[in-house]
């Protein structure tokens, strides 16, 4: 697992981030200036690389998910997606990019020393060029909020709680809560969080501030939050089982089988959590399972935007297939990169169905996913997202209030489906499926809430990518 890209959720050790206190230098507008505490750069910045021997086809994720067909109905126009990450570097293929604040350094959020947030933003909203690569929502706006970095270190804090450890890096669940508040204040209607804090289930995790921020964003401000499931590495190394125990007819609490809790992924009713699959549709070995995983998307075989269009030595490629650190060149893979594909789909839905609430968007995405089950596979949840089905399924098929789509004119000359993954189910099949589920009494999908036995205490959770 050590050769996985540093930006994957919970991967290499140099990006194991922990802060026992705030990691701000320049607080976003409206934040308490007393929360700011200096961070210093401790490692050189990462670089991205278009590996000459890579077999990655830059647009394969679009073909696999049928995204180009989905662009007949929406492209993300008029939507704003906040990327809470390591910052996003300006790039010609991100023409609608603005800074939303910096919780690490003194920028406006448009610096990326870790080469992570830029990759995420590219998968969401990069414009399409002749190389075939594009984001899922190429006309969406990106708001970059730099929240964490493995290249910067927060000032040392006292260790008052046994077992706590301080490592290089900035970002905590408490500072993530403030970043979510900043994203909501920025006017974003979708938030992508490709970061995870993992603790053993027996450990008391203080994510009460994060819980409050998530509840406010989703329930009060109607914002869609998409989060990565995490990777089986670092603090997330003790994997949960891939599925719940067999149903023997007795009531089973899914949390009884959980080994590792991942936050904010486990806020299942409020956060759309995404696991990783291969381009063949198989669950990725590194993706952290959990009863809170809602859907899946490709997290392997990906390319994305390079950190910068112009480097110190002149022009560098627009695209990257690997991240270069001091010791290695690591492929772009991990559940971190599955999440932005779903965040892009959420932006398409926000354009196509402007009256839908965040929970209604969650339902459309999960109900039209394919290849999964109803809580019986904790690696992929309801299955792999199907953008075309999500954008075209009749509203009457969903249990939530209906909403009419924005009218569109279908271009007969749109790209064909050759080489694309078969669109999950036809509308007739989907209608029949929903009818059968309704008659069978199984229409309501299982949800997982935070167990009441876990109480907030301490602020030592690591933020991983």
Protein backbone atom coordinates (compact mmCIF):
# COMPACT_ATOMS: atom_id res chain seq x y z
CA UNK A 1 0.00 0.00 0.00
CA UNK A 2 2.96 2.30 0.44
CA UNK A 3 3.17 3.07 -3.29
CA UNK A 4 -0.37 4.40 -3.47
CA UNK A 5 -0.65 8.08 -4.30
CA UNK A 6 -0.19 10.33 -1.34
CA UNK A 7 -3.56 11.89 -2.03
CA UNK A 8 -5.57 8.74 -1.49
CA UNK A 9 -7.61 8.69 1.70
CA UNK A 10 -5.41 7.20 4.40
CA UNK A 11 -2.35 6.16 2.44
CA UNK A 12 1.32 6.95 2.89
CA UNK A 13 2.64 7.87 6.30
CA UNK A 14 3.90 11.30 5.35
CA UNK A 15 0.30 12.38 4.90
CA UNK A 16 -0.95 11.04 8.21
CA UNK A 17 -2.22 14.34 9.54
CA UNK A 18 -3.01 15.15 13.13
CA UNK A 19 -3.59 18.34 15.03
CA UNK A 20 -4.48 18.65 18.71
CA UNK A 21 -5.47 22.23 18.08
CA UNK A 22 -6.35 24.62 15.25
CA UNK A 23 -4.17 24.57 12.14
CA UNK A 24 -5.04 28.03 10.83
CA UNK A 25 -2.67 30.70 9.71
CA UNK A 26 -5.07 32.90 7.77
CA UNK A 27 -8.62 32.25 8.91
CA UNK A 28 -11.43 32.57 6.35
CA UNK A 29 -13.73 35.55 6.51
CA UNK A 30 -15.84 35.57 9.61
CA UNK A 31 -13.65 33.20 11.60
CA UNK A 32 -12.32 34.03 15.04
CA UNK A 33 -8.77 35.38 14.56
CA UNK A 34 -7.80 33.91 17.93
CA UNK A 35 -8.18 30.47 16.34
CA UNK A 36 -5.22 31.12 14.05
CA UNK A 37 -1.95 29.42 14.92
CA UNK A 38 1.13 29.33 12.73
CA UNK A 39 2.05 26.37 10.53
CA UNK A 40 5.41 25.90 8.90
CA UNK A 41 6.46 23.98 5.82
CA UNK A 42 8.44 20.90 6.76
CA UNK A 43 8.67 19.03 3.43
CA UNK A 44 9.16 20.01 -0.19
CA UNK A 45 6.08 20.22 -2.35
CA UNK A 46 5.04 17.23 -4.41
CA UNK A 47 4.99 17.29 -8.20
CA UNK A 48 2.75 15.52 -10.67
CA UNK A 49 3.93 13.53 -13.64
CA UNK A 50 2.48 12.24 -16.87
CA UNK A 51 4.12 8.82 -16.75
CA UNK A 52 5.33 7.96 -20.28
CA UNK A 53 4.79 4.25 -19.71
CA UNK A 54 1.36 4.55 -18.10
CA UNK A 55 -1.48 2.53 -19.62
CA UNK A 56 -4.05 4.97 -18.20
CA UNK A 57 -6.46 6.32 -20.81
CA UNK A 58 -7.30 9.85 -19.58
CA UNK A 59 -11.01 9.70 -20.44
CA UNK A 60 -11.74 6.12 -19.47
CA UNK A 61 -13.70 7.09 -16.37
CA UNK A 62 -16.04 9.16 -18.56
CA UNK A 63 -16.64 6.26 -20.92
CA UNK A 64 -17.07 3.74 -18.12
CA UNK A 65 -19.73 5.82 -16.39
CA UNK A 66 -21.39 7.10 -19.56
CA UNK A 67 -20.70 10.70 -18.56
CA UNK A 68 -20.59 12.07 -22.10
CA UNK A 69 -24.12 10.80 -22.58
CA UNK A 70 -25.09 12.48 -19.32
CA UNK A 71 -23.85 15.82 -20.69
CA UNK A 72 -26.92 15.79 -22.95
CA UNK A 73 -28.91 16.68 -19.83
CA UNK A 74 -26.52 18.76 -17.69
CA UNK A 75 -22.90 19.87 -17.48
CA UNK A 76 -22.87 21.51 -14.06
CA UNK A 77 -23.56 25.00 -15.39
CA UNK A 78 -24.48 27.43 -12.63
CA UNK A 79 -23.40 25.12 -9.80
CA UNK A 80 -20.59 25.70 -7.32
CA UNK A 81 -18.60 22.87 -5.72
CA UNK A 82 -16.35 23.44 -2.72
CA UNK A 83 -13.24 21.27 -2.63
CA UNK A 84 -12.03 20.99 0.97
CA UNK A 85 -8.57 19.61 0.49
CA UNK A 86 -4.92 20.63 0.09
CA UNK A 87 -5.77 23.62 -2.09
CA UNK A 88 -6.29 23.82 -5.83
CA UNK A 89 -3.63 25.32 -8.08
CA UNK A 90 -4.87 27.52 -10.95
CA UNK A 91 -5.00 25.65 -14.24
CA UNK A 92 -6.19 26.68 -17.72
CA UNK A 93 -8.65 23.78 -17.68
CA UNK A 94 -10.28 25.08 -14.50
CA UNK A 95 -11.62 28.37 -15.88
CA UNK A 96 -14.22 28.72 -13.11
CA UNK A 97 -11.98 28.48 -10.04
CA UNK A 98 -11.96 30.80 -7.04
CA UNK A 99 -10.35 30.74 -3.64
CA UNK A 100 -12.45 30.12 -0.56
CA UNK A 101 -9.88 30.39 2.21
CA UNK A 102 -6.75 28.79 3.65
CA UNK A 103 -6.53 26.90 6.94
CA UNK A 104 -2.86 25.98 6.41
CA UNK A 105 -0.92 28.91 4.98
CA UNK A 106 -1.46 32.49 3.93
CA UNK A 107 -3.01 31.97 0.49
CA UNK A 108 -6.61 32.32 -0.60
CA UNK A 109 -6.82 28.55 -1.11
CA UNK A 110 -5.28 28.59 -4.58
CA UNK A 111 -2.00 26.91 -3.64
CA UNK A 112 -1.50 23.14 -3.61
CA UNK A 113 1.77 21.87 -2.21
CA UNK A 114 0.53 18.27 -1.94
CA UNK A 115 -0.77 17.83 -5.52
CA UNK A 116 -4.00 16.41 -4.11
CA UNK A 117 -6.71 19.03 -4.26
CA UNK A 118 -5.83 19.90 -7.87
CA UNK A 119 -6.29 16.27 -8.90
CA UNK A 120 -9.65 16.22 -7.11
CA UNK A 121 -10.80 19.45 -8.77
CA UNK A 122 -9.80 18.15 -12.19
CA UNK A 123 -11.93 15.05 -11.81
CA UNK A 124 -14.88 17.23 -10.87
CA UNK A 125 -14.77 20.12 -13.32
CA UNK A 126 -11.86 20.08 -15.80
CA UNK A 127 -12.79 21.22 -19.30
CA UNK A 128 -12.50 18.64 -22.07
CA UNK A 129 -9.66 18.83 -24.59
CA UNK A 130 -8.48 16.62 -27.43
CA UNK A 131 -6.77 14.28 -24.95
CA UNK A 132 -10.22 13.01 -23.92
CA UNK A 133 -9.97 13.97 -20.27
CA UNK A 134 -12.59 16.06 -18.51
CA UNK A 135 -14.32 16.38 -15.18
CA UNK A 136 -17.79 14.99 -14.67
CA UNK A 137 -19.24 18.52 -14.42
CA UNK A 138 -17.02 20.57 -16.76
CA UNK A 139 -19.10 23.75 -16.50
CA UNK A 140 -19.25 23.84 -12.70
CA UNK A 141 -17.40 26.34 -10.56
CA UNK A 142 -14.77 25.12 -8.09
CA UNK A 143 -14.27 26.86 -4.74
CA UNK A 144 -10.96 25.81 -3.21
CA UNK A 145 -10.61 25.70 0.57
CA UNK A 146 -7.17 24.59 1.68
CA UNK A 147 -7.77 22.73 4.90
CA UNK A 148 -4.89 20.28 5.31
CA UNK A 149 -1.41 19.41 4.13
CA UNK A 150 1.17 16.74 4.72
CA UNK A 151 3.87 19.23 3.81
CA UNK A 152 3.14 21.65 6.67
CA UNK A 153 3.24 21.09 10.40
CA UNK A 154 1.13 22.72 13.07
CA UNK A 155 2.92 23.99 16.18
CA UNK A 156 3.54 21.28 18.81
CA UNK A 157 0.72 20.90 21.31
CA UNK A 158 0.77 19.36 24.76
CA UNK A 159 -0.13 15.70 25.04
CA UNK A 160 -2.60 15.43 27.89
CA UNK A 161 -4.36 12.28 26.77
CA UNK A 162 -2.51 8.93 26.94
CA UNK A 163 -1.98 7.28 23.58
CA UNK A 164 -2.21 10.47 21.57
CA UNK A 165 0.63 11.16 19.15
CA UNK A 166 1.62 14.25 17.24
CA UNK A 167 2.83 13.83 13.67
CA UNK A 168 3.79 16.28 10.98
CA UNK A 169 0.85 17.62 9.07
CA UNK A 170 -2.02 20.01 9.49
CA UNK A 171 -5.74 19.35 9.64
CA UNK A 172 -8.10 17.86 12.23
CA UNK A 173 -11.77 17.02 12.50
CA UNK A 174 -12.27 20.31 14.34
CA UNK A 175 -10.63 22.37 11.62
CA UNK A 176 -12.60 20.35 9.05
CA UNK A 177 -15.76 21.59 10.72
CA UNK A 178 -14.61 25.17 10.22
CA UNK A 179 -13.77 24.40 6.60
CA UNK A 180 -17.30 23.08 6.02
CA UNK A 181 -18.68 26.29 7.51
CA UNK A 182 -16.47 28.29 5.15
CA UNK A 183 -17.65 26.21 2.19
CA UNK A 184 -21.26 26.84 3.13
CA UNK A 185 -20.58 30.59 3.46
CA UNK A 186 -18.99 30.57 -0.01
CA UNK A 187 -22.33 29.72 -1.61
CA UNK A 188 -21.37 26.19 -2.71
CA UNK A 189 -24.26 23.78 -3.28
CA UNK A 190 -21.97 20.70 -3.23
CA UNK A 191 -18.98 19.97 -0.98
CA UNK A 192 -16.35 17.33 -1.77
CA UNK A 193 -14.35 15.96 1.18
CA UNK A 194 -11.63 13.50 0.16
CA UNK A 195 -10.32 13.29 3.71
CA UNK A 196 -11.01 10.78 6.46
CA UNK A 197 -10.34 10.55 10.19
CA UNK A 198 -10.20 6.91 11.32
CA UNK A 199 -10.28 5.59 14.88
CA UNK A 200 -11.02 2.16 16.37
CA UNK A 201 -14.68 1.76 17.26
CA UNK A 202 -13.70 1.48 20.91
CA UNK A 203 -12.01 4.88 20.81
CA UNK A 204 -13.99 7.96 21.74
CA UNK A 205 -13.86 10.30 18.74
CA UNK A 206 -14.48 13.99 19.25
CA UNK A 207 -16.19 15.01 16.06
CA UNK A 208 -18.98 16.94 17.74
CA UNK A 209 -17.98 20.19 16.01
CA UNK A 210 -17.87 18.31 12.71
CA UNK A 211 -21.29 16.83 13.42
CA UNK A 212 -22.73 20.29 13.99
CA UNK A 213 -21.16 21.64 10.80
CA UNK A 214 -22.46 18.74 8.72
CA UNK A 215 -25.97 19.05 10.13
CA UNK A 216 -26.03 22.79 9.48
CA UNK A 217 -24.72 22.45 5.92
CA UNK A 218 -27.13 19.71 4.86
CA UNK A 219 -30.29 20.35 6.87
CA UNK A 220 -30.18 24.14 7.21
CA UNK A 221 -28.36 25.21 4.04
CA UNK A 222 -29.35 22.32 1.75
CA UNK A 223 -25.80 21.47 0.63
CA UNK A 224 -24.83 18.06 -0.76
CA UNK A 225 -21.78 16.64 1.04
CA UNK A 226 -19.82 13.88 -0.71
CA UNK A 227 -17.04 12.12 1.22
CA UNK A 228 -14.50 9.40 0.44
CA UNK A 229 -14.84 6.10 2.29
CA UNK A 230 -11.13 5.91 3.14
CA UNK A 231 -8.42 3.42 2.33
CA UNK A 232 -7.20 0.44 4.32
CA UNK A 233 -3.92 1.96 5.45
CA UNK A 234 -2.49 4.09 8.21
CA UNK A 235 -5.08 4.79 10.90
CA UNK A 236 -7.65 3.01 8.70
CA UNK A 237 -5.53 -0.16 8.40
CA UNK A 238 -7.85 -2.35 10.48
CA UNK A 239 -10.48 -2.97 7.84
CA UNK A 240 -14.14 -3.52 8.50
CA UNK A 241 -15.68 -6.71 7.07
CA UNK A 242 -16.86 -6.43 3.45
CA UNK A 243 -20.45 -7.24 4.41
CA UNK A 244 -22.63 -7.63 7.50
CA UNK A 245 -23.05 -11.03 9.13
CA UNK A 246 -25.71 -13.31 7.60
CA UNK A 247 -29.23 -12.44 8.61
CA UNK A 248 -30.44 -15.13 10.99
CA UNK A 249 -33.79 -13.47 11.55
CA UNK A 250 -32.74 -11.50 14.61
CA UNK A 251 -32.26 -7.75 14.79
CA UNK A 252 -28.66 -6.92 13.93
CA UNK A 253 -26.95 -3.63 14.69
CA UNK A 254 -24.47 -3.08 11.82
CA UNK A 255 -22.14 -1.26 14.19
CA UNK A 256 -21.58 -4.52 16.08
CA UNK A 257 -19.42 -5.71 13.16
CA UNK A 258 -17.54 -2.44 12.69
CA UNK A 259 -13.86 -2.36 13.64
CA UNK A 260 -12.86 1.11 12.42
CA UNK A 261 -15.02 4.24 12.39
CA UNK A 262 -14.37 6.73 9.56
CA UNK A 263 -15.46 10.34 9.92
CA UNK A 264 -17.16 12.22 8.29
CA UNK A 265 -18.11 9.16 6.21
CA UNK A 266 -20.15 7.60 9.00
CA UNK A 267 -22.73 10.41 9.02
CA UNK A 268 -24.70 8.23 6.68
CA UNK A 269 -27.98 10.09 6.61
CA UNK A 270 -26.25 13.39 5.85
CA UNK A 271 -23.11 12.48 3.91
CA UNK A 272 -22.95 10.55 0.63
CA UNK A 273 -20.00 8.21 1.19
CA UNK A 274 -18.16 6.77 -1.81
CA UNK A 275 -16.12 3.59 -2.08
CA UNK A 276 -13.70 2.75 -4.88
CA UNK A 277 -14.02 0.23 -7.71
CA UNK A 278 -11.77 -0.73 -10.60
CA UNK A 279 -12.57 0.08 -14.21
CA UNK A 280 -13.88 -3.49 -14.38
CA UNK A 281 -16.44 -2.74 -11.70
CA UNK A 282 -14.77 -4.76 -8.95
CA UNK A 283 -14.38 -3.34 -5.43
CA UNK A 284 -10.88 -1.94 -4.95
CA UNK A 285 -8.83 -3.92 -2.48
CA UNK A 286 -7.77 -0.75 -0.69
CA UNK A 287 -11.23 0.78 -0.22
CA UNK A 288 -12.40 0.80 3.42
CA UNK A 289 -15.77 -0.95 3.77
CA UNK A 290 -18.44 0.19 6.17
CA UNK A 291 -22.21 0.13 6.63
CA UNK A 292 -22.17 3.85 5.81
CA UNK A 293 -20.78 3.38 2.27
CA UNK A 294 -23.56 4.52 -0.06
CA UNK A 295 -22.24 4.13 -3.62
CA UNK A 296 -19.03 3.49 -5.53
CA UNK A 297 -17.10 4.98 -8.45
CA UNK A 298 -13.76 4.26 -10.14
CA UNK A 299 -10.75 5.03 -7.95
CA UNK A 300 -8.09 3.31 -10.05
CA UNK A 301 -6.68 3.81 -13.55
CA UNK A 302 -7.25 7.56 -13.39
CA UNK A 303 -5.56 10.67 -14.72
CA UNK A 304 -6.24 14.25 -13.72
CA UNK A 305 -4.86 17.77 -14.00
CA UNK A 306 -1.24 18.51 -13.22
CA UNK A 307 -0.44 20.79 -10.31
CA UNK A 308 0.42 23.67 -12.62
CA UNK A 309 0.34 24.34 -16.33
CA UNK A 310 3.75 26.07 -16.21
CA UNK A 311 6.60 24.89 -13.99
CA UNK A 312 9.96 26.33 -13.07
CA UNK A 313 11.60 24.54 -15.99
CA UNK A 314 8.98 25.55 -18.53
CA UNK A 315 5.83 23.91 -19.78
CA UNK A 316 4.72 20.70 -18.12
CA UNK A 317 1.89 18.39 -19.26
CA UNK A 318 -1.70 19.44 -18.60
CA UNK A 319 -2.43 15.98 -17.22
CA UNK A 320 -0.86 13.75 -14.62
CA UNK A 321 -0.99 10.01 -14.02
CA UNK A 322 1.28 9.95 -10.98
CA UNK A 323 2.43 12.04 -8.04
CA UNK A 324 6.16 12.35 -7.45
CA UNK A 325 7.48 12.59 -3.89
CA UNK A 326 11.01 12.44 -2.59
CA UNK A 327 11.05 8.65 -2.79
CA UNK A 328 8.57 7.44 -5.36
CA UNK A 329 6.13 8.10 -8.19
CA UNK A 330 2.73 6.89 -7.11
CA UNK A 331 -0.32 6.26 -9.30
CA UNK A 332 -3.48 8.28 -8.84
CA UNK A 333 -5.70 5.83 -7.03
CA UNK A 334 -7.71 5.68 -3.86
CA UNK A 335 -11.23 6.39 -2.68
CA UNK A 336 -10.20 10.06 -2.60
CA UNK A 337 -10.58 10.04 -6.36
CA UNK A 338 -13.88 8.15 -6.38
CA UNK A 339 -15.60 10.87 -4.35
CA UNK A 340 -15.14 13.73 -6.86
CA UNK A 341 -16.80 11.68 -9.60
CA UNK A 342 -19.89 11.49 -7.41
CA UNK A 343 -19.60 15.16 -6.43
CA UNK A 344 -19.60 15.97 -10.15
CA UNK A 345 -22.76 13.92 -10.61
CA UNK A 346 -24.37 15.81 -7.72
CA UNK A 347 -23.59 19.05 -9.57
CA UNK A 348 -25.26 17.70 -12.72
CA UNK A 349 -28.34 16.88 -10.67
CA UNK A 350 -28.37 20.32 -9.04
CA UNK A 351 -28.48 21.85 -12.52
CA UNK A 352 -31.02 19.41 -13.94
CA UNK A 353 -33.31 19.34 -10.88
CA UNK A 354 -32.85 22.70 -9.12
CA UNK A 355 -35.81 22.05 -6.80
CA UNK A 356 -34.35 18.84 -5.34
CA UNK A 357 -33.10 18.97 -1.77
CA UNK A 358 -29.80 17.41 -0.76
CA UNK A 359 -31.48 14.23 0.62
CA UNK A 360 -33.45 13.90 -2.61
CA UNK A 361 -30.21 14.08 -4.60
CA UNK A 362 -28.74 11.39 -2.36
CA UNK A 363 -31.75 9.22 -3.13
CA UNK A 364 -31.49 9.70 -6.89
CA UNK A 365 -27.83 8.76 -6.88
CA UNK A 366 -28.23 5.70 -4.68
CA UNK A 367 -31.47 4.40 -6.22
CA UNK A 368 -30.09 4.53 -9.75
CA UNK A 369 -26.73 2.96 -8.87
CA UNK A 370 -26.11 -0.48 -10.33
CA UNK A 371 -24.44 -3.72 -9.33
CA UNK A 372 -24.84 -3.29 -5.60
CA UNK A 373 -27.24 -4.46 -2.96
CA UNK A 374 -29.33 -3.09 -0.16
CA UNK A 375 -26.80 -3.02 2.62
CA UNK A 376 -25.29 -6.43 1.84
CA UNK A 377 -21.98 -5.15 0.43
CA UNK A 378 -20.17 -2.64 2.61
CA UNK A 379 -17.55 -1.98 -0.07
CA UNK A 380 -19.85 -0.46 -2.70
CA UNK A 381 -23.16 0.20 -0.95
CA UNK A 382 -26.00 0.53 -3.46
CA UNK A 383 -23.57 0.03 -6.33
CA UNK A 384 -21.71 2.00 -8.99
CA UNK A 385 -23.15 5.38 -9.91
CA UNK A 386 -25.04 5.65 -13.18
CA UNK A 387 -25.15 9.33 -14.24
CA UNK A 388 -27.56 8.87 -17.16
CA UNK A 389 -30.05 6.94 -15.04
CA UNK A 390 -29.75 9.47 -12.21
CA UNK A 391 -30.50 12.32 -14.61
CA UNK A 392 -33.35 10.67 -16.49
CA UNK A 393 -35.26 8.43 -14.06
CA UNK A 394 -38.88 9.63 -13.68
CA UNK A 395 -39.40 11.50 -10.43
CA UNK A 396 -42.43 9.37 -9.63
CA UNK A 397 -40.14 6.40 -8.96
CA UNK A 398 -38.70 8.00 -5.84
CA UNK A 399 -40.26 8.09 -2.41
CA UNK A 400 -39.23 11.71 -1.82
CA UNK A 401 -41.20 14.66 -3.18
CA UNK A 402 -41.09 14.91 -6.98
CA UNK A 403 -39.31 17.68 -8.86
CA UNK A 404 -39.54 18.51 -12.52
CA UNK A 405 -36.31 18.54 -14.53
CA UNK A 406 -35.07 21.53 -16.47
CA UNK A 407 -36.12 20.95 -20.12
CA UNK A 408 -33.29 20.00 -22.45
CA UNK A 409 -32.95 19.53 -26.18
CA UNK A 410 -31.28 16.22 -27.02
CA UNK A 411 -28.67 16.54 -29.75
CA UNK A 412 -28.91 13.59 -32.13
CA UNK A 413 -25.25 14.13 -32.91
CA UNK A 414 -24.13 13.56 -29.34
CA UNK A 415 -21.39 10.99 -28.78
CA UNK A 416 -22.54 7.41 -29.09
CA UNK A 417 -22.30 4.75 -26.42
CA UNK A 418 -19.56 2.70 -28.05
CA UNK A 419 -17.15 1.47 -25.43
CA UNK A 420 -19.21 2.82 -22.55
CA UNK A 421 -20.48 0.81 -19.64
CA UNK A 422 -24.06 -0.23 -20.38
CA UNK A 423 -26.39 2.27 -18.75
CA UNK A 424 -27.41 0.52 -15.54
CA UNK A 425 -31.09 -0.15 -16.09
CA UNK A 426 -33.70 1.04 -18.56
CA UNK A 427 -36.42 3.26 -17.21
CA UNK A 428 -38.94 0.46 -17.64
CA UNK A 429 -36.72 -1.93 -15.72
CA UNK A 430 -36.14 0.66 -13.03
CA UNK A 431 -39.88 1.21 -12.69
CA UNK A 432 -40.45 -2.53 -12.38
CA UNK A 433 -37.70 -2.81 -9.80
CA UNK A 434 -39.11 -0.03 -7.67
CA UNK A 435 -42.60 -1.55 -7.95
CA UNK A 436 -41.34 -4.92 -6.80
CA UNK A 437 -39.43 -3.32 -3.94
CA UNK A 438 -42.53 -1.41 -2.89
CA UNK A 439 -44.70 -4.53 -2.92
CA UNK A 440 -42.02 -6.39 -1.01
CA UNK A 441 -41.90 -3.78 1.70
CA UNK A 442 -38.18 -3.15 1.18
CA UNK A 443 -38.31 0.28 -0.38
CA UNK A 444 -36.59 2.07 2.47
CA UNK A 445 -32.85 1.56 2.30
CA UNK A 446 -31.01 0.86 5.52
CA UNK A 447 -29.21 3.79 7.05
CA UNK A 448 -26.53 3.94 9.68
CA UNK A 449 -26.50 6.62 12.33
CA UNK A 450 -23.79 7.43 14.79
CA UNK A 451 -24.13 5.01 17.68
CA UNK A 452 -25.28 6.77 20.81
CA UNK A 453 -22.67 4.91 22.85
CA UNK A 454 -19.87 6.96 21.32
CA UNK A 455 -19.47 10.29 23.08
CA UNK A 456 -17.24 13.24 22.11
CA UNK A 457 -13.94 13.66 23.93
CA UNK A 458 -10.54 14.99 22.90
CA UNK A 459 -9.44 16.39 19.55
CA UNK A 460 -6.77 14.09 18.20
CA UNK A 461 -8.26 12.50 15.12
CA UNK A 462 -5.98 12.20 12.12
CA UNK A 463 -7.08 13.50 8.78
CA UNK A 464 -5.97 11.23 5.93
CA UNK A 465 -6.27 11.40 2.16
